Amino acid sequence: KLREQVGILARAVYVNGGNWQELEMLLE
């Protein structure tokens, strides 16, 4: 489920041009 959510979040950040730092915080 978390992988799916990360995938959704990564797509949202990529599509919306969001902050990569937030994604990095999650992945660390």
mmCIF file of all heavy atoms, coordinates in Angstrom:
data_MODEL
# 
_entry.id   MODEL 
# 
loop_
_atom_site.group_PDB 
_atom_site.id 
_atom_site.type_symbol 
_atom_site.label_atom_id 
_atom_site.label_alt_id 
_atom_site.label_comp_id 
_atom_site.label_asym_id 
_atom_site.label_entity_id 
_atom_site.label_seq_id 
_atom_site.pdbx_PDB_ins_code 
_atom_site.Cartn_x 
_atom_site.Cartn_y 
_atom_site.Cartn_z 
_atom_site.occupancy 
_atom_site.B_iso_or_equiv 
_atom_site.pdbx_formal_charge 
_atom_site.auth_seq_id 
_atom_site.auth_comp_id 
_atom_site.auth_asym_id 
_atom_site.auth_atom_id 
_atom_site.pdbx_PDB_model_num 
ATOM 1   N N   . LYS A 1 1  ? 0.836  -1.214 0.000   1.00 0.00 ? 1  LYS A N   1 
ATOM 2   C CA  . LYS A 1 1  ? 0.000  0.000  0.000   1.00 0.00 ? 1  LYS A CA  1 
ATOM 3   C C   . LYS A 1 1  ? 0.867  1.259  0.000   1.00 0.00 ? 1  LYS A C   1 
ATOM 4   O O   . LYS A 1 1  ? 0.585  2.223  -0.707  1.00 0.00 ? 1  LYS A O   1 
ATOM 5   C CB  . LYS A 1 1  ? -0.933 0.013  1.206   1.00 0.00 ? 1  LYS A CB  1 
ATOM 6   C CG  . LYS A 1 1  ? -2.064 -0.973 1.122   1.00 0.00 ? 1  LYS A CG  1 
ATOM 7   C CD  . LYS A 1 1  ? -2.924 -0.894 2.375   1.00 0.00 ? 1  LYS A CD  1 
ATOM 8   C CE  . LYS A 1 1  ? -3.964 -1.983 2.381   1.00 0.00 ? 1  LYS A CE  1 
ATOM 9   N NZ  . LYS A 1 1  ? -4.749 -1.965 3.627   1.00 0.00 ? 1  LYS A NZ  1 
ATOM 10  N N   . LEU A 1 2  ? 1.920  1.238  0.832   1.00 0.00 ? 2  LEU A N   1 
ATOM 11  C CA  . LEU A 1 2  ? 2.816  2.398  0.903   1.00 0.00 ? 2  LEU A CA  1 
ATOM 12  C C   . LEU A 1 2  ? 3.517  2.631  -0.432  1.00 0.00 ? 2  LEU A C   1 
ATOM 13  O O   . LEU A 1 2  ? 3.698  3.787  -0.856  1.00 0.00 ? 2  LEU A O   1 
ATOM 14  C CB  . LEU A 1 2  ? 3.829  2.223  2.031   1.00 0.00 ? 2  LEU A CB  1 
ATOM 15  C CG  . LEU A 1 2  ? 3.271  2.270  3.455   1.00 0.00 ? 2  LEU A CG  1 
ATOM 16  C CD1 . LEU A 1 2  ? 4.369  1.936  4.461   1.00 0.00 ? 2  LEU A CD1 1 
ATOM 17  C CD2 . LEU A 1 2  ? 2.665  3.624  3.746   1.00 0.00 ? 2  LEU A CD2 1 
ATOM 18  N N   . ARG A 1 3  ? 3.899  1.564  -1.108  1.00 0.00 ? 3  ARG A N   1 
ATOM 19  C CA  . ARG A 1 3  ? 4.531  1.718  -2.427  1.00 0.00 ? 3  ARG A CA  1 
ATOM 20  C C   . ARG A 1 3  ? 3.555  2.375  -3.409  1.00 0.00 ? 3  ARG A C   1 
ATOM 21  O O   . ARG A 1 3  ? 3.944  3.240  -4.208  1.00 0.00 ? 3  ARG A O   1 
ATOM 22  C CB  . ARG A 1 3  ? 4.976  0.360  -2.956  1.00 0.00 ? 3  ARG A CB  1 
ATOM 23  C CG  . ARG A 1 3  ? 6.242  -0.136 -2.332  1.00 0.00 ? 3  ARG A CG  1 
ATOM 24  C CD  . ARG A 1 3  ? 6.694  -1.428 -2.953  1.00 0.00 ? 3  ARG A CD  1 
ATOM 25  N NE  . ARG A 1 3  ? 7.916  -1.885 -2.287  1.00 0.00 ? 3  ARG A NE  1 
ATOM 26  C CZ  . ARG A 1 3  ? 8.377  -3.103 -2.346  1.00 0.00 ? 3  ARG A CZ  1 
ATOM 27  N NH1 . ARG A 1 3  ? 7.738  -4.023 -3.034  1.00 0.00 ? 3  ARG A NH1 1 
ATOM 28  N NH2 . ARG A 1 3  ? 9.493  -3.409 -1.729  1.00 0.00 ? 3  ARG A NH2 1 
ATOM 29  N N   . GLU A 1 4  ? 2.330  1.907  -3.300  1.00 0.00 ? 4  GLU A N   1 
ATOM 30  C CA  . GLU A 1 4  ? 1.318  2.487  -4.177  1.00 0.00 ? 4  GLU A CA  1 
ATOM 31  C C   . GLU A 1 4  ? 1.151  3.980  -3.868  1.00 0.00 ? 4  GLU A C   1 
ATOM 32  O O   . GLU A 1 4  ? 1.061  4.817  -4.775  1.00 0.00 ? 4  GLU A O   1 
ATOM 33  C CB  . GLU A 1 4  ? -0.007 1.753  -4.034  1.00 0.00 ? 4  GLU A CB  1 
ATOM 34  C CG  . GLU A 1 4  ? 0.012  0.340  -4.599  1.00 0.00 ? 4  GLU A CG  1 
ATOM 35  C CD  . GLU A 1 4  ? -1.247 -0.444 -4.237  1.00 0.00 ? 4  GLU A CD  1 
ATOM 36  O OE1 . GLU A 1 4  ? -2.190 0.119  -3.619  1.00 0.00 ? 4  GLU A OE1 1 
ATOM 37  O OE2 . GLU A 1 4  ? -1.287 -1.639 -4.577  1.00 0.00 ? 4  GLU A OE2 1 
ATOM 38  N N   . GLN A 1 5  ? 1.119  4.304  -2.570  1.00 0.00 ? 5  GLN A N   1 
ATOM 39  C CA  . GLN A 1 5  ? 0.951  5.705  -2.168  1.00 0.00 ? 5  GLN A CA  1 
ATOM 40  C C   . GLN A 1 5  ? 2.156  6.544  -2.589  1.00 0.00 ? 5  GLN A C   1 
ATOM 41  O O   . GLN A 1 5  ? 2.020  7.700  -3.024  1.00 0.00 ? 5  GLN A O   1 
ATOM 42  C CB  . GLN A 1 5  ? 0.717  5.801  -0.662  1.00 0.00 ? 5  GLN A CB  1 
ATOM 43  C CG  . GLN A 1 5  ? -0.631 5.265  -0.241  1.00 0.00 ? 5  GLN A CG  1 
ATOM 44  C CD  . GLN A 1 5  ? -0.801 5.268  1.277   1.00 0.00 ? 5  GLN A CD  1 
ATOM 45  O OE1 . GLN A 1 5  ? 0.110  5.611  2.017   1.00 0.00 ? 5  GLN A OE1 1 
ATOM 46  N NE2 . GLN A 1 5  ? -1.993 4.897  1.718   1.00 0.00 ? 5  GLN A NE2 1 
ATOM 47  N N   . VAL A 1 6  ? 3.359  5.987  -2.459  1.00 0.00 ? 6  VAL A N   1 
ATOM 48  C CA  . VAL A 1 6  ? 4.568  6.700  -2.886  1.00 0.00 ? 6  VAL A CA  1 
ATOM 49  C C   . VAL A 1 6  ? 4.496  6.941  -4.390  1.00 0.00 ? 6  VAL A C   1 
ATOM 50  O O   . VAL A 1 6  ? 4.840  8.028  -4.891  1.00 0.00 ? 6  VAL A O   1 
ATOM 51  C CB  . VAL A 1 6  ? 5.847  5.925  -2.494  1.00 0.00 ? 6  VAL A CB  1 
ATOM 52  C CG1 . VAL A 1 6  ? 7.073  6.483  -3.218  1.00 0.00 ? 6  VAL A CG1 1 
ATOM 53  C CG2 . VAL A 1 6  ? 6.049  5.965  -1.001  1.00 0.00 ? 6  VAL A CG2 1 
ATOM 54  N N   . GLY A 1 7  ? 4.049  5.934  -5.115  1.00 0.00 ? 7  GLY A N   1 
ATOM 55  C CA  . GLY A 1 7  ? 3.917  6.104  -6.565  1.00 0.00 ? 7  GLY A CA  1 
ATOM 56  C C   . GLY A 1 7  ? 2.937  7.210  -6.907  1.00 0.00 ? 7  GLY A C   1 
ATOM 57  O O   . GLY A 1 7  ? 3.203  8.047  -7.788  1.00 0.00 ? 7  GLY A O   1 
ATOM 58  N N   . ILE A 1 8  ? 1.810  7.218  -6.194  1.00 0.00 ? 8  ILE A N   1 
ATOM 59  C CA  . ILE A 1 8  ? 0.812  8.258  -6.419  1.00 0.00 ? 8  ILE A CA  1 
ATOM 60  C C   . ILE A 1 8  ? 1.402  9.619  -6.080  1.00 0.00 ? 8  ILE A C   1 
ATOM 61  O O   . ILE A 1 8  ? 1.256  10.596 -6.830  1.00 0.00 ? 8  ILE A O   1 
ATOM 62  C CB  . ILE A 1 8  ? -0.469 7.975  -5.606  1.00 0.00 ? 8  ILE A CB  1 
ATOM 63  C CG1 . ILE A 1 8  ? -1.155 6.724  -6.135  1.00 0.00 ? 8  ILE A CG1 1 
ATOM 64  C CG2 . ILE A 1 8  ? -1.396 9.170  -5.614  1.00 0.00 ? 8  ILE A CG2 1 
ATOM 65  C CD1 . ILE A 1 8  ? -2.296 6.221  -5.258  1.00 0.00 ? 8  ILE A CD1 1 
ATOM 66  N N   . LEU A 1 9  ? 2.086  9.711  -4.940  1.00 0.00 ? 9  LEU A N   1 
ATOM 67  C CA  . LEU A 1 9  ? 2.697  10.960 -4.511  1.00 0.00 ? 9  LEU A CA  1 
ATOM 68  C C   . LEU A 1 9  ? 3.759  11.419 -5.503  1.00 0.00 ? 9  LEU A C   1 
ATOM 69  O O   . LEU A 1 9  ? 3.832  12.602 -5.854  1.00 0.00 ? 9  LEU A O   1 
ATOM 70  C CB  . LEU A 1 9  ? 3.300  10.793 -3.112  1.00 0.00 ? 9  LEU A CB  1 
ATOM 71  C CG  . LEU A 1 9  ? 3.954  12.017 -2.501  1.00 0.00 ? 9  LEU A CG  1 
ATOM 72  C CD1 . LEU A 1 9  ? 2.939  13.145 -2.306  1.00 0.00 ? 9  LEU A CD1 1 
ATOM 73  C CD2 . LEU A 1 9  ? 4.600  11.672 -1.191  1.00 0.00 ? 9  LEU A CD2 1 
ATOM 74  N N   . ALA A 1 10 ? 4.586  10.489 -5.970  1.00 0.00 ? 10 ALA A N   1 
ATOM 75  C CA  . ALA A 1 10 ? 5.648  10.847 -6.926  1.00 0.00 ? 10 ALA A CA  1 
ATOM 76  C C   . ALA A 1 10 ? 5.027  11.361 -8.221  1.00 0.00 ? 10 ALA A C   1 
ATOM 77  O O   . ALA A 1 10 ? 5.509  12.345 -8.797  1.00 0.00 ? 10 ALA A O   1 
ATOM 78  C CB  . ALA A 1 10 ? 6.528  9.639  -7.192  1.00 0.00 ? 10 ALA A CB  1 
ATOM 79  N N   . ARG A 1 11 ? 3.962  10.727 -8.678  1.00 0.00 ? 11 ARG A N   1 
ATOM 80  C CA  . ARG A 1 11 ? 3.298  11.206 -9.898  1.00 0.00 ? 11 ARG A CA  1 
ATOM 81  C C   . ARG A 1 11 ? 2.699  12.599 -9.683  1.00 0.00 ? 11 ARG A C   1 
ATOM 82  O O   . ARG A 1 11 ? 2.780  13.472 -10.537 1.00 0.00 ? 11 ARG A O   1 
ATOM 83  C CB  . ARG A 1 11 ? 2.204  10.212 -10.321 1.00 0.00 ? 11 ARG A CB  1 
ATOM 84  C CG  . ARG A 1 11 ? 2.737  9.060  -11.118 1.00 0.00 ? 11 ARG A CG  1 
ATOM 85  C CD  . ARG A 1 11 ? 1.599  8.225  -11.697 1.00 0.00 ? 11 ARG A CD  1 
ATOM 86  N NE  . ARG A 1 11 ? 0.838  7.499  -10.679 1.00 0.00 ? 11 ARG A NE  1 
ATOM 87  C CZ  . ARG A 1 11 ? 1.147  6.324  -10.186 1.00 0.00 ? 11 ARG A CZ  1 
ATOM 88  N NH1 . ARG A 1 11 ? 2.222  5.707  -10.616 1.00 0.00 ? 11 ARG A NH1 1 
ATOM 89  N NH2 . ARG A 1 11 ? 0.394  5.753  -9.275  1.00 0.00 ? 11 ARG A NH2 1 
ATOM 90  N N   . ALA A 1 12 ? 2.103  12.775 -8.497  1.00 0.00 ? 12 ALA A N   1 
ATOM 91  C CA  . ALA A 1 12 ? 1.492  14.075 -8.198  1.00 0.00 ? 12 ALA A CA  1 
ATOM 92  C C   . ALA A 1 12 ? 2.547  15.171 -8.150  1.00 0.00 ? 12 ALA A C   1 
ATOM 93  O O   . ALA A 1 12 ? 2.345  16.272 -8.667  1.00 0.00 ? 12 ALA A O   1 
ATOM 94  C CB  . ALA A 1 12 ? 0.725  14.019 -6.888  1.00 0.00 ? 12 ALA A CB  1 
ATOM 95  N N   . VAL A 1 13 ? 3.688  14.880 -7.547  1.00 0.00 ? 13 VAL A N   1 
ATOM 96  C CA  . VAL A 1 13 ? 4.759  15.864 -7.464  1.00 0.00 ? 13 VAL A CA  1 
ATOM 97  C C   . VAL A 1 13 ? 5.285  16.138 -8.871  1.00 0.00 ? 13 VAL A C   1 
ATOM 98  O O   . VAL A 1 13 ? 5.550  17.296 -9.228  1.00 0.00 ? 13 VAL A O   1 
ATOM 99  C CB  . VAL A 1 13 ? 5.886  15.379 -6.519  1.00 0.00 ? 13 VAL A CB  1 
ATOM 100 C CG1 . VAL A 1 13 ? 7.139  16.227 -6.649  1.00 0.00 ? 13 VAL A CG1 1 
ATOM 101 C CG2 . VAL A 1 13 ? 5.399  15.331 -5.087  1.00 0.00 ? 13 VAL A CG2 1 
ATOM 102 N N   . TYR A 1 14 ? 5.447  15.123 -9.648  1.00 0.00 ? 14 TYR A N   1 
ATOM 103 C CA  . TYR A 1 14 ? 5.969  15.298 -10.998 1.00 0.00 ? 14 TYR A CA  1 
ATOM 104 C C   . TYR A 1 14 ? 5.003  16.081 -11.878 1.00 0.00 ? 14 TYR A C   1 
ATOM 105 O O   . TYR A 1 14 ? 5.396  16.989 -12.590 1.00 0.00 ? 14 TYR A O   1 
ATOM 106 C CB  . TYR A 1 14 ? 6.250  13.920 -11.609 1.00 0.00 ? 14 TYR A CB  1 
ATOM 107 C CG  . TYR A 1 14 ? 6.814  13.992 -12.996 1.00 0.00 ? 14 TYR A CG  1 
ATOM 108 C CD1 . TYR A 1 14 ? 8.128  14.383 -13.213 1.00 0.00 ? 14 TYR A CD1 1 
ATOM 109 C CD2 . TYR A 1 14 ? 6.014  13.700 -14.099 1.00 0.00 ? 14 TYR A CD2 1 
ATOM 110 C CE1 . TYR A 1 14 ? 8.636  14.465 -14.492 1.00 0.00 ? 14 TYR A CE1 1 
ATOM 111 C CE2 . TYR A 1 14 ? 6.519  13.775 -15.380 1.00 0.00 ? 14 TYR A CE2 1 
ATOM 112 C CZ  . TYR A 1 14 ? 7.824  14.147 -15.569 1.00 0.00 ? 14 TYR A CZ  1 
ATOM 113 O OH  . TYR A 1 14 ? 8.338  14.242 -16.846 1.00 0.00 ? 14 TYR A OH  1 
ATOM 114 N N   . VAL A 1 15 ? 3.710  15.691 -11.771 1.00 0.00 ? 15 VAL A N   1 
ATOM 115 C CA  . VAL A 1 15 ? 2.701  16.349 -12.617 1.00 0.00 ? 15 VAL A CA  1 
ATOM 116 C C   . VAL A 1 15 ? 2.467  17.783 -12.151 1.00 0.00 ? 15 VAL A C   1 
ATOM 117 O O   . VAL A 1 15 ? 2.366  18.701 -12.964 1.00 0.00 ? 15 VAL A O   1 
ATOM 118 C CB  . VAL A 1 15 ? 1.378  15.542 -12.596 1.00 0.00 ? 15 VAL A CB  1 
ATOM 119 C CG1 . VAL A 1 15 ? 0.259  16.306 -13.273 1.00 0.00 ? 15 VAL A CG1 1 
ATOM 120 C CG2 . VAL A 1 15 ? 1.581  14.195 -13.243 1.00 0.00 ? 15 VAL A CG2 1 
ATOM 121 N N   . ASN A 1 16 ? 2.378  17.969 -10.868 1.00 0.00 ? 16 ASN A N   1 
ATOM 122 C CA  . ASN A 1 16 ? 2.060  19.294 -10.329 1.00 0.00 ? 16 ASN A CA  1 
ATOM 123 C C   . ASN A 1 16 ? 3.296  20.162 -10.125 1.00 0.00 ? 16 ASN A C   1 
ATOM 124 O O   . ASN A 1 16 ? 3.187  21.325 -9.748  1.00 0.00 ? 16 ASN A O   1 
ATOM 125 C CB  . ASN A 1 16 ? 1.302  19.177 -9.011  1.00 0.00 ? 16 ASN A CB  1 
ATOM 126 C CG  . ASN A 1 16 ? -0.042 18.503 -9.195  1.00 0.00 ? 16 ASN A CG  1 
ATOM 127 O OD1 . ASN A 1 16 ? -0.648 18.613 -10.256 1.00 0.00 ? 16 ASN A OD1 1 
ATOM 128 N ND2 . ASN A 1 16 ? -0.508 17.824 -8.171  1.00 0.00 ? 16 ASN A ND2 1 
ATOM 129 N N   . GLY A 1 17 ? 4.447  19.579 -10.287 1.00 0.00 ? 17 GLY A N   1 
ATOM 130 C CA  . GLY A 1 17 ? 5.658  20.351 -10.101 1.00 0.00 ? 17 GLY A CA  1 
ATOM 131 C C   . GLY A 1 17 ? 5.871  20.675 -8.637  1.00 0.00 ? 17 GLY A C   1 
ATOM 132 O O   . GLY A 1 17 ? 6.303  21.766 -8.298  1.00 0.00 ? 17 GLY A O   1 
ATOM 133 N N   . GLY A 1 18 ? 5.609  19.725 -7.772  1.00 0.00 ? 18 GLY A N   1 
ATOM 134 C CA  . GLY A 1 18 ? 5.692  19.952 -6.340  1.00 0.00 ? 18 GLY A CA  1 
ATOM 135 C C   . GLY A 1 18 ? 7.111  19.954 -5.820  1.00 0.00 ? 18 GLY A C   1 
ATOM 136 O O   . GLY A 1 18 ? 8.078  19.911 -6.560  1.00 0.00 ? 18 GLY A O   1 
ATOM 137 N N   . ASN A 1 19 ? 7.206  20.031 -4.539  1.00 0.00 ? 19 ASN A N   1 
ATOM 138 C CA  . ASN A 1 19 ? 8.473  20.131 -3.839  1.00 0.00 ? 19 ASN A CA  1 
ATOM 139 C C   . ASN A 1 19 ? 9.078  18.730 -3.705  1.00 0.00 ? 19 ASN A C   1 
ATOM 140 O O   . ASN A 1 19 ? 8.521  17.849 -3.064  1.00 0.00 ? 19 ASN A O   1 
ATOM 141 C CB  . ASN A 1 19 ? 8.229  20.757 -2.472  1.00 0.00 ? 19 ASN A CB  1 
ATOM 142 C CG  . ASN A 1 19 ? 9.517  21.088 -1.773  1.00 0.00 ? 19 ASN A CG  1 
ATOM 143 O OD1 . ASN A 1 19 ? 10.600 20.752 -2.239  1.00 0.00 ? 19 ASN A OD1 1 
ATOM 144 N ND2 . ASN A 1 19 ? 9.403  21.774 -0.663  1.00 0.00 ? 19 ASN A ND2 1 
ATOM 145 N N   . TRP A 1 20 ? 10.270 18.523 -4.261  1.00 0.00 ? 20 TRP A N   1 
ATOM 146 C CA  . TRP A 1 20 ? 10.962 17.237 -4.198  1.00 0.00 ? 20 TRP A CA  1 
ATOM 147 C C   . TRP A 1 20 ? 11.529 16.966 -2.814  1.00 0.00 ? 20 TRP A C   1 
ATOM 148 O O   . TRP A 1 20 ? 11.773 15.824 -2.442  1.00 0.00 ? 20 TRP A O   1 
ATOM 149 C CB  . TRP A 1 20 ? 12.096 17.212 -5.229  1.00 0.00 ? 20 TRP A CB  1 
ATOM 150 C CG  . TRP A 1 20 ? 11.579 17.127 -6.637  1.00 0.00 ? 20 TRP A CG  1 
ATOM 151 C CD1 . TRP A 1 20 ? 11.403 18.161 -7.491  1.00 0.00 ? 20 TRP A CD1 1 
ATOM 152 C CD2 . TRP A 1 20 ? 11.156 15.957 -7.307  1.00 0.00 ? 20 TRP A CD2 1 
ATOM 153 N NE1 . TRP A 1 20 ? 10.896 17.725 -8.673  1.00 0.00 ? 20 TRP A NE1 1 
ATOM 154 C CE2 . TRP A 1 20 ? 10.746 16.354 -8.591  1.00 0.00 ? 20 TRP A CE2 1 
ATOM 155 C CE3 . TRP A 1 20 ? 11.072 14.606 -6.978  1.00 0.00 ? 20 TRP A CE3 1 
ATOM 156 C CZ2 . TRP A 1 20 ? 10.259 15.458 -9.535  1.00 0.00 ? 20 TRP A CZ2 1 
ATOM 157 C CZ3 . TRP A 1 20 ? 10.603 13.725 -7.942  1.00 0.00 ? 20 TRP A CZ3 1 
ATOM 158 C CH2 . TRP A 1 20 ? 10.209 14.146 -9.188  1.00 0.00 ? 20 TRP A CH2 1 
ATOM 159 N N   . GLN A 1 21 ? 11.696 17.967 -2.061  1.00 0.00 ? 21 GLN A N   1 
ATOM 160 C CA  . GLN A 1 21 ? 12.246 17.797 -0.714  1.00 0.00 ? 21 GLN A CA  1 
ATOM 161 C C   . GLN A 1 21 ? 11.269 16.999 0.156   1.00 0.00 ? 21 GLN A C   1 
ATOM 162 O O   . GLN A 1 21 ? 11.677 16.205 0.992   1.00 0.00 ? 21 GLN A O   1 
ATOM 163 C CB  . GLN A 1 21 ? 12.538 19.143 -0.076  1.00 0.00 ? 21 GLN A CB  1 
ATOM 164 C CG  . GLN A 1 21 ? 13.695 19.845 -0.732  1.00 0.00 ? 21 GLN A CG  1 
ATOM 165 C CD  . GLN A 1 21 ? 13.885 21.227 -0.144  1.00 0.00 ? 21 GLN A CD  1 
ATOM 166 O OE1 . GLN A 1 21 ? 13.016 21.747 0.555   1.00 0.00 ? 21 GLN A OE1 1 
ATOM 167 N NE2 . GLN A 1 21 ? 15.027 21.828 -0.432  1.00 0.00 ? 21 GLN A NE2 1 
ATOM 168 N N   . GLU A 1 22 ? 10.012 17.223 -0.044  1.00 0.00 ? 22 GLU A N   1 
ATOM 169 C CA  . GLU A 1 22 ? 9.026  16.468 0.743   1.00 0.00 ? 22 GLU A CA  1 
ATOM 170 C C   . GLU A 1 22 ? 9.084  14.989 0.392   1.00 0.00 ? 22 GLU A C   1 
ATOM 171 O O   . GLU A 1 22 ? 9.017  14.121 1.264   1.00 0.00 ? 22 GLU A O   1 
ATOM 172 C CB  . GLU A 1 22 ? 7.629  17.021 0.486   1.00 0.00 ? 22 GLU A CB  1 
ATOM 173 C CG  . GLU A 1 22 ? 7.454  18.426 0.994   1.00 0.00 ? 22 GLU A CG  1 
ATOM 174 C CD  . GLU A 1 22 ? 6.145  19.045 0.534   1.00 0.00 ? 22 GLU A CD  1 
ATOM 175 O OE1 . GLU A 1 22 ? 5.462  18.466 -0.329  1.00 0.00 ? 22 GLU A OE1 1 
ATOM 176 O OE2 . GLU A 1 22 ? 5.819  20.099 1.051   1.00 0.00 ? 22 GLU A OE2 1 
ATOM 177 N N   . LEU A 1 23 ? 9.201  14.680 -0.877  1.00 0.00 ? 23 LEU A N   1 
ATOM 178 C CA  . LEU A 1 23 ? 9.309  13.288 -1.311  1.00 0.00 ? 23 LEU A CA  1 
ATOM 179 C C   . LEU A 1 23 ? 10.594 12.670 -0.787  1.00 0.00 ? 23 LEU A C   1 
ATOM 180 O O   . LEU A 1 23 ? 10.617 11.514 -0.339  1.00 0.00 ? 23 LEU A O   1 
ATOM 181 C CB  . LEU A 1 23 ? 9.264  13.217 -2.843  1.00 0.00 ? 23 LEU A CB  1 
ATOM 182 C CG  . LEU A 1 23 ? 9.328  11.813 -3.439  1.00 0.00 ? 23 LEU A CG  1 
ATOM 183 C CD1 . LEU A 1 23 ? 8.168  10.964 -2.941  1.00 0.00 ? 23 LEU A CD1 1 
ATOM 184 C CD2 . LEU A 1 23 ? 9.331  11.887 -4.948  1.00 0.00 ? 23 LEU A CD2 1 
ATOM 185 N N   . GLU A 1 24 ? 11.661 13.416 -0.811  1.00 0.00 ? 24 GLU A N   1 
ATOM 186 C CA  . GLU A 1 24 ? 12.941 12.938 -0.301  1.00 0.00 ? 24 GLU A CA  1 
ATOM 187 C C   . GLU A 1 24 ? 12.846 12.623 1.182   1.00 0.00 ? 24 GLU A C   1 
ATOM 188 O O   . GLU A 1 24 ? 13.392 11.628 1.658   1.00 0.00 ? 24 GLU A O   1 
ATOM 189 C CB  . GLU A 1 24 ? 14.013 14.003 -0.556  1.00 0.00 ? 24 GLU A CB  1 
ATOM 190 C CG  . GLU A 1 24 ? 15.405 13.537 -0.172  1.00 0.00 ? 24 GLU A CG  1 
ATOM 191 C CD  . GLU A 1 24 ? 16.448 14.612 -0.450  1.00 0.00 ? 24 GLU A CD  1 
ATOM 192 O OE1 . GLU A 1 24 ? 16.185 15.553 -1.189  1.00 0.00 ? 24 GLU A OE1 1 
ATOM 193 O OE2 . GLU A 1 24 ? 17.548 14.486 0.123   1.00 0.00 ? 24 GLU A OE2 1 
ATOM 194 N N   . MET A 1 25 ? 12.150 13.489 1.945   1.00 0.00 ? 25 MET A N   1 
ATOM 195 C CA  . MET A 1 25 ? 11.967 13.259 3.373   1.00 0.00 ? 25 MET A CA  1 
ATOM 196 C C   . MET A 1 25 ? 11.259 11.916 3.604   1.00 0.00 ? 25 MET A C   1 
ATOM 197 O O   . MET A 1 25 ? 11.632 11.149 4.505   1.00 0.00 ? 25 MET A O   1 
ATOM 198 C CB  . MET A 1 25 ? 11.130 14.389 3.973   1.00 0.00 ? 25 MET A CB  1 
ATOM 199 C CG  . MET A 1 25 ? 10.809 14.197 5.436   1.00 0.00 ? 25 MET A CG  1 
ATOM 200 S SD  . MET A 1 25 ? 9.682  15.428 6.076   1.00 0.00 ? 25 MET A SD  1 
ATOM 201 C CE  . MET A 1 25 ? 8.146  14.869 5.360   1.00 0.00 ? 25 MET A CE  1 
ATOM 202 N N   . LEU A 1 26 ? 10.277 11.600 2.821   1.00 0.00 ? 26 LEU A N   1 
ATOM 203 C CA  . LEU A 1 26 ? 9.561  10.342 2.968   1.00 0.00 ? 26 LEU A CA  1 
ATOM 204 C C   . LEU A 1 26 ? 10.444 9.156  2.635   1.00 0.00 ? 26 LEU A C   1 
ATOM 205 O O   . LEU A 1 26 ? 10.454 8.135  3.318   1.00 0.00 ? 26 LEU A O   1 
ATOM 206 C CB  . LEU A 1 26 ? 8.315  10.318 2.071   1.00 0.00 ? 26 LEU A CB  1 
ATOM 207 C CG  . LEU A 1 26 ? 7.170  11.221 2.489   1.00 0.00 ? 26 LEU A CG  1 
ATOM 208 C CD1 . LEU A 1 26 ? 6.085  11.219 1.425   1.00 0.00 ? 26 LEU A CD1 1 
ATOM 209 C CD2 . LEU A 1 26 ? 6.600  10.774 3.810   1.00 0.00 ? 26 LEU A CD2 1 
ATOM 210 N N   . LEU A 1 27 ? 11.207 9.272  1.575   1.00 0.00 ? 27 LEU A N   1 
ATOM 211 C CA  . LEU A 1 27 ? 12.019 8.156  1.103   1.00 0.00 ? 27 LEU A CA  1 
ATOM 212 C C   . LEU A 1 27 ? 13.248 7.900  1.974   1.00 0.00 ? 27 LEU A C   1 
ATOM 213 O O   . LEU A 1 27 ? 13.849 6.831  1.900   1.00 0.00 ? 27 LEU A O   1 
ATOM 214 C CB  . LEU A 1 27 ? 12.438 8.392  -0.344  1.00 0.00 ? 27 LEU A CB  1 
ATOM 215 C CG  . LEU A 1 27 ? 11.286 8.425  -1.350  1.00 0.00 ? 27 LEU A CG  1 
ATOM 216 C CD1 . LEU A 1 27 ? 11.812 8.743  -2.741  1.00 0.00 ? 27 LEU A CD1 1 
ATOM 217 C CD2 . LEU A 1 27 ? 10.543 7.103  -1.350  1.00 0.00 ? 27 LEU A CD2 1 
ATOM 218 N N   . GLU A 1 28 ? 13.641 8.827  2.821   1.00 0.00 ? 28 GLU A N   1 
ATOM 219 C CA  . GLU A 1 28 ? 14.800 8.638  3.697   1.00 0.00 ? 28 GLU A CA  1 
ATOM 220 C C   . GLU A 1 28 ? 14.459 7.846  4.958   1.00 0.00 ? 28 GLU A C   1 
ATOM 221 O O   . GLU A 1 28 ? 15.337 7.562  5.758   1.00 0.00 ? 28 GLU A O   1 
ATOM 222 C CB  . GLU A 1 28 ? 15.381 9.999  4.090   1.00 0.00 ? 28 GLU A CB  1 
ATOM 223 C CG  . GLU A 1 28 ? 16.138 10.664 2.976   1.00 0.00 ? 28 GLU A CG  1 
ATOM 224 C CD  . GLU A 1 28 ? 16.689 12.018 3.399   1.00 0.00 ? 28 GLU A CD  1 
ATOM 225 O OE1 . GLU A 1 28 ? 16.343 12.505 4.495   1.00 0.00 ? 28 GLU A OE1 1 
ATOM 226 O OE2 . GLU A 1 28 ? 17.475 12.576 2.635   1.00 0.00 ? 28 GLU A OE2 1 
# 
